[in-house]
All heavy atoms as atom14 arrays in JSON, in Angstrom:
{
  "sequence": "LALRLCALGLELDRLLQAWAPDCVAVEEIYFTKNAKTAIGVA",
  "atom14_mask": [
    [1, 1, 1, 1, 1, 1, 1, 1, 0, 0, 0, 0, 0, 0],
    [1, 1, 1, 1, 1, 0, 0, 0, 0, 0, 0, 0, 0, 0],
    [1, 1, 1, 1, 1, 1, 1, 1, 0, 0, 0, 0, 0, 0],
    [1, 1, 1, 1, 1, 1, 1, 1, 1, 1, 1, 0, 0, 0],
    [1, 1, 1, 1, 1, 1, 1, 1, 0, 0, 0, 0, 0, 0],
    [1, 1, 1, 1, 1, 1, 0, 0, 0, 0, 0, 0, 0, 0],
    [1, 1, 1, 1, 1, 0, 0, 0, 0, 0, 0, 0, 0, 0],
    [1, 1, 1, 1, 1, 1, 1, 1, 0, 0, 0, 0, 0, 0],
    [1, 1, 1, 1, 0, 0, 0, 0, 0, 0, 0, 0, 0, 0],
    [1, 1, 1, 1, 1, 1, 1, 1, 0, 0, 0, 0, 0, 0],
    [1, 1, 1, 1, 1, 1, 1, 1, 1, 0, 0, 0, 0, 0],
    [1, 1, 1, 1, 1, 1, 1, 1, 0, 0, 0, 0, 0, 0],
    [1, 1, 1, 1, 1, 1, 1, 1, 0, 0, 0, 0, 0, 0],
    [1, 1, 1, 1, 1, 1, 1, 1, 1, 1, 1, 0, 0, 0],
    [1, 1, 1, 1, 1, 1, 1, 1, 0, 0, 0, 0, 0, 0],
    [1, 1, 1, 1, 1, 1, 1, 1, 0, 0, 0, 0, 0, 0],
    [1, 1, 1, 1, 1, 1, 1, 1, 1, 0, 0, 0, 0, 0],
    [1, 1, 1, 1, 1, 0, 0, 0, 0, 0, 0, 0, 0, 0],
    [1, 1, 1, 1, 1, 1, 1, 1, 1, 1, 1, 1, 1, 1],
    [1, 1, 1, 1, 1, 0, 0, 0, 0, 0, 0, 0, 0, 0],
    [1, 1, 1, 1, 1, 1, 1, 0, 0, 0, 0, 0, 0, 0],
    [1, 1, 1, 1, 1, 1, 1, 1, 0, 0, 0, 0, 0, 0],
    [1, 1, 1, 1, 1, 1, 0, 0, 0, 0, 0, 0, 0, 0],
    [1, 1, 1, 1, 1, 1, 1, 0, 0, 0, 0, 0, 0, 0],
    [1, 1, 1, 1, 1, 0, 0, 0, 0, 0, 0, 0, 0, 0],
    [1, 1, 1, 1, 1, 1, 1, 0, 0, 0, 0, 0, 0, 0],
    [1, 1, 1, 1, 1, 1, 1, 1, 1, 0, 0, 0, 0, 0],
    [1, 1, 1, 1, 1, 1, 1, 1, 1, 0, 0, 0, 0, 0],
    [1, 1, 1, 1, 1, 1, 1, 1, 0, 0, 0, 0, 0, 0],
    [1, 1, 1, 1, 1, 1, 1, 1, 1, 1, 1, 1, 0, 0],
    [1, 1, 1, 1, 1, 1, 1, 1, 1, 1, 1, 0, 0, 0],
    [1, 1, 1, 1, 1, 1, 1, 0, 0, 0, 0, 0, 0, 0],
    [1, 1, 1, 1, 1, 1, 1, 1, 1, 0, 0, 0, 0, 0],
    [1, 1, 1, 1, 1, 1, 1, 1, 0, 0, 0, 0, 0, 0],
    [1, 1, 1, 1, 1, 0, 0, 0, 0, 0, 0, 0, 0, 0],
    [1, 1, 1, 1, 1, 1, 1, 1, 1, 0, 0, 0, 0, 0],
    [1, 1, 1, 1, 1, 1, 1, 0, 0, 0, 0, 0, 0, 0],
    [1, 1, 1, 1, 1, 0, 0, 0, 0, 0, 0, 0, 0, 0],
    [1, 1, 1, 1, 1, 1, 1, 1, 0, 0, 0, 0, 0, 0],
    [1, 1, 1, 1, 0, 0, 0, 0, 0, 0, 0, 0, 0, 0],
    [1, 1, 1, 1, 1, 1, 1, 0, 0, 0, 0, 0, 0, 0],
    [1, 1, 1, 1, 1, 0, 0, 0, 0, 0, 0, 0, 0, 0]
  ],
  "atom14_positions": [
    [[1.09, -9.83, 9.52], [0.92, -8.59, 8.83], [2.13, -7.72, 8.65], [2.36, -7.18, 7.63], [-0.18, -7.71, 9.65], [-0.53, -6.38, 8.94], [-1.06, -6.61, 7.5], [-1.51, -5.58, 9.83], [0.0, 0.0, 0.0], [0.0, 0.0, 0.0], [0.0, 0.0, 0.0], [0.0, 0.0, 0.0], [0.0, 0.0, 0.0], [0.0, 0.0, 0.0]],
    [[2.95, -7.87, 9.71], [4.35, -7.13, 9.47], [5.11, -7.56, 8.29], [5.72, -6.85, 7.58], [5.17, -7.22, 10.81], [0.0, 0.0, 0.0], [0.0, 0.0, 0.0], [0.0, 0.0, 0.0], [0.0, 0.0, 0.0], [0.0, 0.0, 0.0], [0.0, 0.0, 0.0], [0.0, 0.0, 0.0], [0.0, 0.0, 0.0], [0.0, 0.0, 0.0]],
    [[5.17, -8.87, 8.07], [5.87, -9.45, 7.0], [5.15, -9.06, 5.63], [5.87, -8.81, 4.56], [5.96, -11.01, 7.07], [6.86, -11.46, 8.13], [6.7, -13.01, 8.35], [8.29, -11.0, 8.02], [0.0, 0.0, 0.0], [0.0, 0.0, 0.0], [0.0, 0.0, 0.0], [0.0, 0.0, 0.0], [0.0, 0.0, 0.0], [0.0, 0.0, 0.0]],
    [[3.81, -9.13, 5.71], [3.1, -8.73, 4.39], [3.35, -7.2, 4.11], [3.57, -6.88, 2.92], [1.62, -8.96, 4.65], [1.3, -10.46, 4.76], [-0.08, -10.79, 5.13], [-0.92, -10.88, 3.9], [-2.19, -11.17, 3.89], [-2.8, -11.45, 5.02], [-2.8, -11.29, 2.71], [0.0, 0.0, 0.0], [0.0, 0.0, 0.0], [0.0, 0.0, 0.0]],
    [[3.37, -6.31, 5.01], [3.69, -4.98, 4.81], [5.11, -4.69, 4.41], [5.32, -3.91, 3.49], [3.42, -4.14, 6.1], [1.9, -4.03, 6.49], [1.72, -3.33, 7.81], [1.06, -3.5, 5.5], [0.0, 0.0, 0.0], [0.0, 0.0, 0.0], [0.0, 0.0, 0.0], [0.0, 0.0, 0.0], [0.0, 0.0, 0.0], [0.0, 0.0, 0.0]],
    [[5.94, -5.48, 4.91], [7.41, -5.51, 4.46], [7.5, -5.91, 2.93], [8.14, -5.19, 2.17], [8.24, -6.34, 5.33], [10.06, -6.36, 4.86], [0.0, 0.0, 0.0], [0.0, 0.0, 0.0], [0.0, 0.0, 0.0], [0.0, 0.0, 0.0], [0.0, 0.0, 0.0], [0.0, 0.0, 0.0], [0.0, 0.0, 0.0], [0.0, 0.0, 0.0]],
    [[6.82, -6.9, 2.63], [6.87, -7.41, 1.26], [6.28, -6.42, 0.22], [6.78, -6.11, -0.79], [6.11, -8.75, 1.1], [0.0, 0.0, 0.0], [0.0, 0.0, 0.0], [0.0, 0.0, 0.0], [0.0, 0.0, 0.0], [0.0, 0.0, 0.0], [0.0, 0.0, 0.0], [0.0, 0.0, 0.0], [0.0, 0.0, 0.0], [0.0, 0.0, 0.0]],
    [[5.16, -5.75, 0.73], [4.53, -4.7, -0.08], [5.59, -3.48, -0.29], [5.71, -2.95, -1.4], [3.33, -4.21, 0.64], [2.61, -2.92, 0.0], [2.08, -3.11, -1.33], [1.45, -2.48, 0.97], [0.0, 0.0, 0.0], [0.0, 0.0, 0.0], [0.0, 0.0, 0.0], [0.0, 0.0, 0.0], [0.0, 0.0, 0.0], [0.0, 0.0, 0.0]],
    [[6.19, -3.18, 0.86], [7.23, -2.05, 0.66], [8.34, -2.37, -0.24], [8.8, -1.56, -1.1], [0.0, 0.0, 0.0], [0.0, 0.0, 0.0], [0.0, 0.0, 0.0], [0.0, 0.0, 0.0], [0.0, 0.0, 0.0], [0.0, 0.0, 0.0], [0.0, 0.0, 0.0], [0.0, 0.0, 0.0], [0.0, 0.0, 0.0], [0.0, 0.0, 0.0]],
    [[8.84, -3.62, -0.19], [9.89, -3.98, -1.04], [9.52, -3.94, -2.57], [10.2, -3.53, -3.36], [10.46, -5.47, -0.7], [11.13, -5.52, 0.63], [11.38, -6.95, 0.92], [12.41, -4.67, 0.61], [0.0, 0.0, 0.0], [0.0, 0.0, 0.0], [0.0, 0.0, 0.0], [0.0, 0.0, 0.0], [0.0, 0.0, 0.0], [0.0, 0.0, 0.0]],
    [[8.23, -4.48, -2.82], [7.73, -4.47, -4.17], [7.45, -3.05, -4.68], [7.69, -2.74, -5.74], [6.43, -5.29, -4.32], [6.7, -6.82, -4.58], [7.56, -7.0, -5.85], [7.02, -6.55, -6.94], [8.55, -7.61, -5.81], [0.0, 0.0, 0.0], [0.0, 0.0, 0.0], [0.0, 0.0, 0.0], [0.0, 0.0, 0.0], [0.0, 0.0, 0.0]],
    [[6.98, -2.17, -3.79], [6.73, -0.81, -4.09], [8.03, -0.08, -4.45], [8.05, 0.66, -5.45], [6.06, -0.08, -2.95], [5.61, 1.3, -3.26], [4.65, 1.39, -4.43], [5.05, 2.04, -2.06], [0.0, 0.0, 0.0], [0.0, 0.0, 0.0], [0.0, 0.0, 0.0], [0.0, 0.0, 0.0], [0.0, 0.0, 0.0], [0.0, 0.0, 0.0]],
    [[9.12, -0.31, -3.69], [10.36, 0.25, -3.95], [10.9, -0.15, -5.37], [11.48, 0.53, -6.09], [11.43, -0.24, -2.94], [11.29, 0.49, -1.67], [10.58, 1.47, -1.61], [11.87, 0.07, -0.59], [0.0, 0.0, 0.0], [0.0, 0.0, 0.0], [0.0, 0.0, 0.0], [0.0, 0.0, 0.0], [0.0, 0.0, 0.0], [0.0, 0.0, 0.0]],
    [[10.63, -1.52, -5.72], [11.03, -1.98, -6.95], [10.21, -1.3, -8.06], [10.78, -0.85, -9.15], [10.73, -3.46, -7.03], [11.28, -4.15, -8.33], [10.85, -5.66, -8.43], [9.44, -5.74, -8.55], [8.81, -5.52, -9.76], [9.38, -5.0, -10.73], [7.47, -5.71, -9.73], [0.0, 0.0, 0.0], [0.0, 0.0, 0.0], [0.0, 0.0, 0.0]],
    [[8.98, -1.06, -7.88], [8.17, -0.36, -8.97], [8.55, 1.16, -9.01], [8.74, 1.66, -10.25], [6.61, -0.38, -8.39], [5.93, -1.71, -8.64], [4.53, -1.6, -8.1], [5.85, -2.11, -10.1], [0.0, 0.0, 0.0], [0.0, 0.0, 0.0], [0.0, 0.0, 0.0], [0.0, 0.0, 0.0], [0.0, 0.0, 0.0], [0.0, 0.0, 0.0]],
    [[8.78, 1.83, -7.95], [9.27, 3.18, -7.92], [10.58, 3.29, -8.75], [10.79, 4.26, -9.53], [9.38, 3.68, -6.62], [8.04, 3.87, -5.89], [8.38, 4.24, -4.3], [7.27, 4.95, -6.47], [0.0, 0.0, 0.0], [0.0, 0.0, 0.0], [0.0, 0.0, 0.0], [0.0, 0.0, 0.0], [0.0, 0.0, 0.0], [0.0, 0.0, 0.0]],
    [[11.53, 2.35, -8.5], [12.76, 2.32, -9.21], [12.6, 2.06, -10.81], [13.16, 2.73, -11.55], [13.72, 1.48, -8.54], [15.23, 1.63, -9.12], [16.15, 0.85, -8.29], [15.9, -0.35, -7.79], [17.33, 1.25, -8.1], [0.0, 0.0, 0.0], [0.0, 0.0, 0.0], [0.0, 0.0, 0.0], [0.0, 0.0, 0.0], [0.0, 0.0, 0.0]],
    [[11.81, 1.04, -10.99], [11.74, 0.57, -12.39], [10.94, 1.68, -13.25], [11.28, 1.84, -14.42], [10.95, -0.71, -12.43], [0.0, 0.0, 0.0], [0.0, 0.0, 0.0], [0.0, 0.0, 0.0], [0.0, 0.0, 0.0], [0.0, 0.0, 0.0], [0.0, 0.0, 0.0], [0.0, 0.0, 0.0], [0.0, 0.0, 0.0], [0.0, 0.0, 0.0]],
    [[9.84, 2.2, -12.68], [9.03, 3.09, -13.49], [9.46, 4.64, -13.31], [9.0, 5.36, -14.17], [7.6, 2.88, -13.16], [7.06, 1.58, -13.74], [6.87, 0.59, -12.93], [6.7, 1.24, -14.96], [6.43, -0.54, -13.77], [6.26, -0.1, -14.98], [6.79, 1.93, -16.22], [5.9, -0.68, -16.18], [6.34, 1.32, -17.4], [5.92, 0.01, -17.38]],
    [[10.1, 4.98, -12.35], [10.47, 6.41, -12.16], [9.39, 7.32, -12.32], [9.47, 8.23, -13.08], [11.67, 6.74, -12.93], [0.0, 0.0, 0.0], [0.0, 0.0, 0.0], [0.0, 0.0, 0.0], [0.0, 0.0, 0.0], [0.0, 0.0, 0.0], [0.0, 0.0, 0.0], [0.0, 0.0, 0.0], [0.0, 0.0, 0.0], [0.0, 0.0, 0.0]],
    [[8.28, 7.22, -11.51], [7.18, 8.12, -11.69], [7.54, 9.55, -11.22], [8.34, 9.68, -10.36], [6.01, 7.48, -10.9], [6.8, 6.75, -9.8], [8.05, 6.27, -10.44], [0.0, 0.0, 0.0], [0.0, 0.0, 0.0], [0.0, 0.0, 0.0], [0.0, 0.0, 0.0], [0.0, 0.0, 0.0], [0.0, 0.0, 0.0], [0.0, 0.0, 0.0]],
    [[6.82, 10.51, -11.85], [6.87, 11.97, -11.35], [6.09, 12.08, -10.13], [6.3, 12.94, -9.26], [6.37, 12.84, -12.45], [7.33, 12.68, -13.64], [8.5, 12.96, -13.6], [6.69, 12.38, -14.8], [0.0, 0.0, 0.0], [0.0, 0.0, 0.0], [0.0, 0.0, 0.0], [0.0, 0.0, 0.0], [0.0, 0.0, 0.0], [0.0, 0.0, 0.0]],
    [[4.98, 11.26, -9.98], [4.08, 11.36, -8.8], [3.38, 10.06, -8.54], [3.29, 9.18, -9.54], [3.13, 12.56, -8.91], [2.08, 12.34, -10.31], [0.0, 0.0, 0.0], [0.0, 0.0, 0.0], [0.0, 0.0, 0.0], [0.0, 0.0, 0.0], [0.0, 0.0, 0.0], [0.0, 0.0, 0.0], [0.0, 0.0, 0.0], [0.0, 0.0, 0.0]],
    [[2.82, 9.89, -7.44], [2.11, 8.74, -7.03], [0.69, 9.25, -6.6], [0.58, 10.18, -5.88], [2.73, 8.03, -5.78], [1.92, 6.84, -5.4], [4.21, 7.38, -6.25], [0.0, 0.0, 0.0], [0.0, 0.0, 0.0], [0.0, 0.0, 0.0], [0.0, 0.0, 0.0], [0.0, 0.0, 0.0], [0.0, 0.0, 0.0], [0.0, 0.0, 0.0]],
    [[-0.29, 8.59, -7.32], [-1.72, 8.89, -6.85], [-2.19, 7.75, -6.12], [-2.16, 6.6, -6.51], [-2.52, 9.18, -8.14], [0.0, 0.0, 0.0], [0.0, 0.0, 0.0], [0.0, 0.0, 0.0], [0.0, 0.0, 0.0], [0.0, 0.0, 0.0], [0.0, 0.0, 0.0], [0.0, 0.0, 0.0], [0.0, 0.0, 0.0], [0.0, 0.0, 0.0]],
    [[-2.77, 7.92, -4.83], [-3.19, 6.88, -4.07], [-4.63, 7.05, -3.65], [-5.09, 8.23, -3.31], [-2.45, 6.84, -2.78], [-2.79, 5.83, -1.8], [-0.93, 6.89, -2.97], [0.0, 0.0, 0.0], [0.0, 0.0, 0.0], [0.0, 0.0, 0.0], [0.0, 0.0, 0.0], [0.0, 0.0, 0.0], [0.0, 0.0, 0.0], [0.0, 0.0, 0.0]],
    [[-5.39, 5.96, -3.69], [-6.81, 6.04, -3.31], [-6.93, 6.09, -1.75], [-6.19, 5.29, -1.05], [-7.58, 4.91, -3.79], [-9.07, 5.0, -3.61], [-9.9, 3.94, -4.33], [-9.74, 2.75, -3.97], [-10.68, 4.33, -5.22], [0.0, 0.0, 0.0], [0.0, 0.0, 0.0], [0.0, 0.0, 0.0], [0.0, 0.0, 0.0], [0.0, 0.0, 0.0]],
    [[-7.66, 6.97, -1.3], [-7.92, 7.02, 0.14], [-8.77, 5.86, 0.49], [-9.42, 5.15, -0.22], [-8.6, 8.29, 0.52], [-7.8, 9.65, 0.38], [-8.52, 10.93, 0.63], [-9.68, 10.91, 0.86], [-7.8, 11.93, 0.63], [0.0, 0.0, 0.0], [0.0, 0.0, 0.0], [0.0, 0.0, 0.0], [0.0, 0.0, 0.0], [0.0, 0.0, 0.0]],
    [[-8.87, 5.58, 1.9], [-9.58, 4.47, 2.43], [-11.09, 4.68, 2.27], [-11.58, 5.7, 2.66], [-9.12, 4.08, 3.76], [-7.67, 3.76, 3.83], [-9.97, 3.03, 4.35], [-7.08, 3.6, 5.23], [0.0, 0.0, 0.0], [0.0, 0.0, 0.0], [0.0, 0.0, 0.0], [0.0, 0.0, 0.0], [0.0, 0.0, 0.0], [0.0, 0.0, 0.0]],
    [[-11.71, 3.65, 1.83], [-13.19, 3.57, 1.82], [-13.52, 2.72, 3.12], [-13.15, 1.44, 3.07], [-13.72, 2.97, 0.55], [-15.27, 2.64, 0.67], [-16.13, 3.69, 0.5], [-15.63, 1.34, 0.86], [-17.51, 3.4, 0.65], [-17.04, 1.16, 1.01], [-17.95, 2.1, 0.82], [-19.29, 1.83, 0.91], [0.0, 0.0, 0.0], [0.0, 0.0, 0.0]],
    [[-14.15, 3.22, 4.08], [-14.46, 2.5, 5.31], [-15.65, 1.58, 5.12], [-16.63, 1.98, 4.62], [-14.7, 3.4, 6.5], [-13.42, 4.16, 6.94], [-13.05, 5.41, 6.53], [-12.54, 3.38, 7.74], [-11.85, 6.0, 6.9], [-11.33, 4.04, 8.17], [-10.96, 5.23, 7.72], [0.0, 0.0, 0.0], [0.0, 0.0, 0.0], [0.0, 0.0, 0.0]],
    [[-15.33, 0.34, 5.37], [-16.29, -0.67, 5.34], [-16.81, -1.03, 6.73], [-16.33, -0.4, 7.67], [-15.71, -2.06, 4.76], [-14.71, -2.52, 5.54], [-15.16, -1.72, 3.36], [0.0, 0.0, 0.0], [0.0, 0.0, 0.0], [0.0, 0.0, 0.0], [0.0, 0.0, 0.0], [0.0, 0.0, 0.0], [0.0, 0.0, 0.0], [0.0, 0.0, 0.0]],
    [[-17.67, -2.03, 6.8], [-18.17, -2.41, 8.16], [-17.18, -3.22, 8.81], [-17.17, -3.45, 10.11], [-19.44, -3.19, 8.04], [-20.51, -2.31, 7.49], [-21.8, -3.11, 7.27], [-22.8, -2.27, 6.62], [-24.07, -2.97, 6.21], [0.0, 0.0, 0.0], [0.0, 0.0, 0.0], [0.0, 0.0, 0.0], [0.0, 0.0, 0.0], [0.0, 0.0, 0.0]],
    [[-16.01, -3.77, 8.26], [-15.09, -4.61, 8.87], [-13.91, -3.72, 9.24], [-13.04, -3.35, 8.43], [-14.64, -5.65, 7.77], [-13.71, -6.68, 8.37], [-13.02, -6.42, 9.38], [-13.63, -7.88, 7.84], [0.0, 0.0, 0.0], [0.0, 0.0, 0.0], [0.0, 0.0, 0.0], [0.0, 0.0, 0.0], [0.0, 0.0, 0.0], [0.0, 0.0, 0.0]],
    [[-13.79, -3.42, 10.46], [-12.71, -2.56, 11.04], [-11.48, -3.14, 10.95], [-10.48, -2.43, 10.63], [-13.08, -2.21, 12.47], [0.0, 0.0, 0.0], [0.0, 0.0, 0.0], [0.0, 0.0, 0.0], [0.0, 0.0, 0.0], [0.0, 0.0, 0.0], [0.0, 0.0, 0.0], [0.0, 0.0, 0.0], [0.0, 0.0, 0.0], [0.0, 0.0, 0.0]],
    [[-11.31, -4.46, 11.1], [-10.05, -5.11, 10.94], [-9.43, -4.99, 9.58], [-8.18, -4.69, 9.34], [-10.06, -6.51, 11.3], [-8.85, -7.34, 11.36], [-9.0, -8.78, 11.73], [-7.67, -9.56, 11.76], [-7.75, -10.85, 11.96], [0.0, 0.0, 0.0], [0.0, 0.0, 0.0], [0.0, 0.0, 0.0], [0.0, 0.0, 0.0], [0.0, 0.0, 0.0]],
    [[-10.26, -5.08, 8.46], [-9.85, -4.94, 7.17], [-9.44, -3.52, 6.91], [-8.39, -3.19, 6.24], [-10.98, -5.3, 6.14], [-11.28, -6.7, 6.42], [-10.51, -5.12, 4.71], [0.0, 0.0, 0.0], [0.0, 0.0, 0.0], [0.0, 0.0, 0.0], [0.0, 0.0, 0.0], [0.0, 0.0, 0.0], [0.0, 0.0, 0.0], [0.0, 0.0, 0.0]],
    [[-10.3, -2.51, 7.43], [-9.93, -1.08, 7.26], [-8.58, -0.77, 7.89], [-7.84, 0.02, 7.26], [-11.07, -0.29, 7.82], [0.0, 0.0, 0.0], [0.0, 0.0, 0.0], [0.0, 0.0, 0.0], [0.0, 0.0, 0.0], [0.0, 0.0, 0.0], [0.0, 0.0, 0.0], [0.0, 0.0, 0.0], [0.0, 0.0, 0.0], [0.0, 0.0, 0.0]],
    [[-8.32, -1.33, 9.08], [-6.99, -0.98, 9.69], [-5.85, -1.58, 8.91], [-4.74, -0.92, 8.73], [-7.07, -1.58, 11.13], [-8.04, -0.64, 11.98], [-5.6, -1.44, 11.72], [-8.37, -1.23, 13.34], [0.0, 0.0, 0.0], [0.0, 0.0, 0.0], [0.0, 0.0, 0.0], [0.0, 0.0, 0.0], [0.0, 0.0, 0.0], [0.0, 0.0, 0.0]],
    [[-5.97, -2.82, 8.45], [-4.93, -3.42, 7.64], [-4.73, -2.61, 6.38], [-3.58, -2.35, 5.89], [0.0, 0.0, 0.0], [0.0, 0.0, 0.0], [0.0, 0.0, 0.0], [0.0, 0.0, 0.0], [0.0, 0.0, 0.0], [0.0, 0.0, 0.0], [0.0, 0.0, 0.0], [0.0, 0.0, 0.0], [0.0, 0.0, 0.0], [0.0, 0.0, 0.0]],
    [[-5.82, -2.12, 5.66], [-5.72, -1.31, 4.44], [-5.03, -0.02, 4.78], [-4.11, 0.52, 3.99], [-6.99, -1.19, 3.78], [-6.96, -0.2, 2.55], [-7.53, -2.58, 3.25], [0.0, 0.0, 0.0], [0.0, 0.0, 0.0], [0.0, 0.0, 0.0], [0.0, 0.0, 0.0], [0.0, 0.0, 0.0], [0.0, 0.0, 0.0], [0.0, 0.0, 0.0]],
    [[-5.41, 0.53, 5.9], [-4.78, 1.84, 6.37], [-3.26, 1.67, 6.6], [-2.48, 2.56, 6.19], [-5.36, 2.33, 7.58], [0.0, 0.0, 0.0], [0.0, 0.0, 0.0], [0.0, 0.0, 0.0], [0.0, 0.0, 0.0], [0.0, 0.0, 0.0], [0.0, 0.0, 0.0], [0.0, 0.0, 0.0], [0.0, 0.0, 0.0], [0.0, 0.0, 0.0]]
  ]
}
């Protein structure tokens, strides 16, 4: 998971640099019955 989160961060940095957004809109977590999935998404 640590490597996956690192990869996500690197790609996000690339997107932020390429698109230069004024703001970021993020969906909050929808809690499901699977706690392990919810924690990873969090």
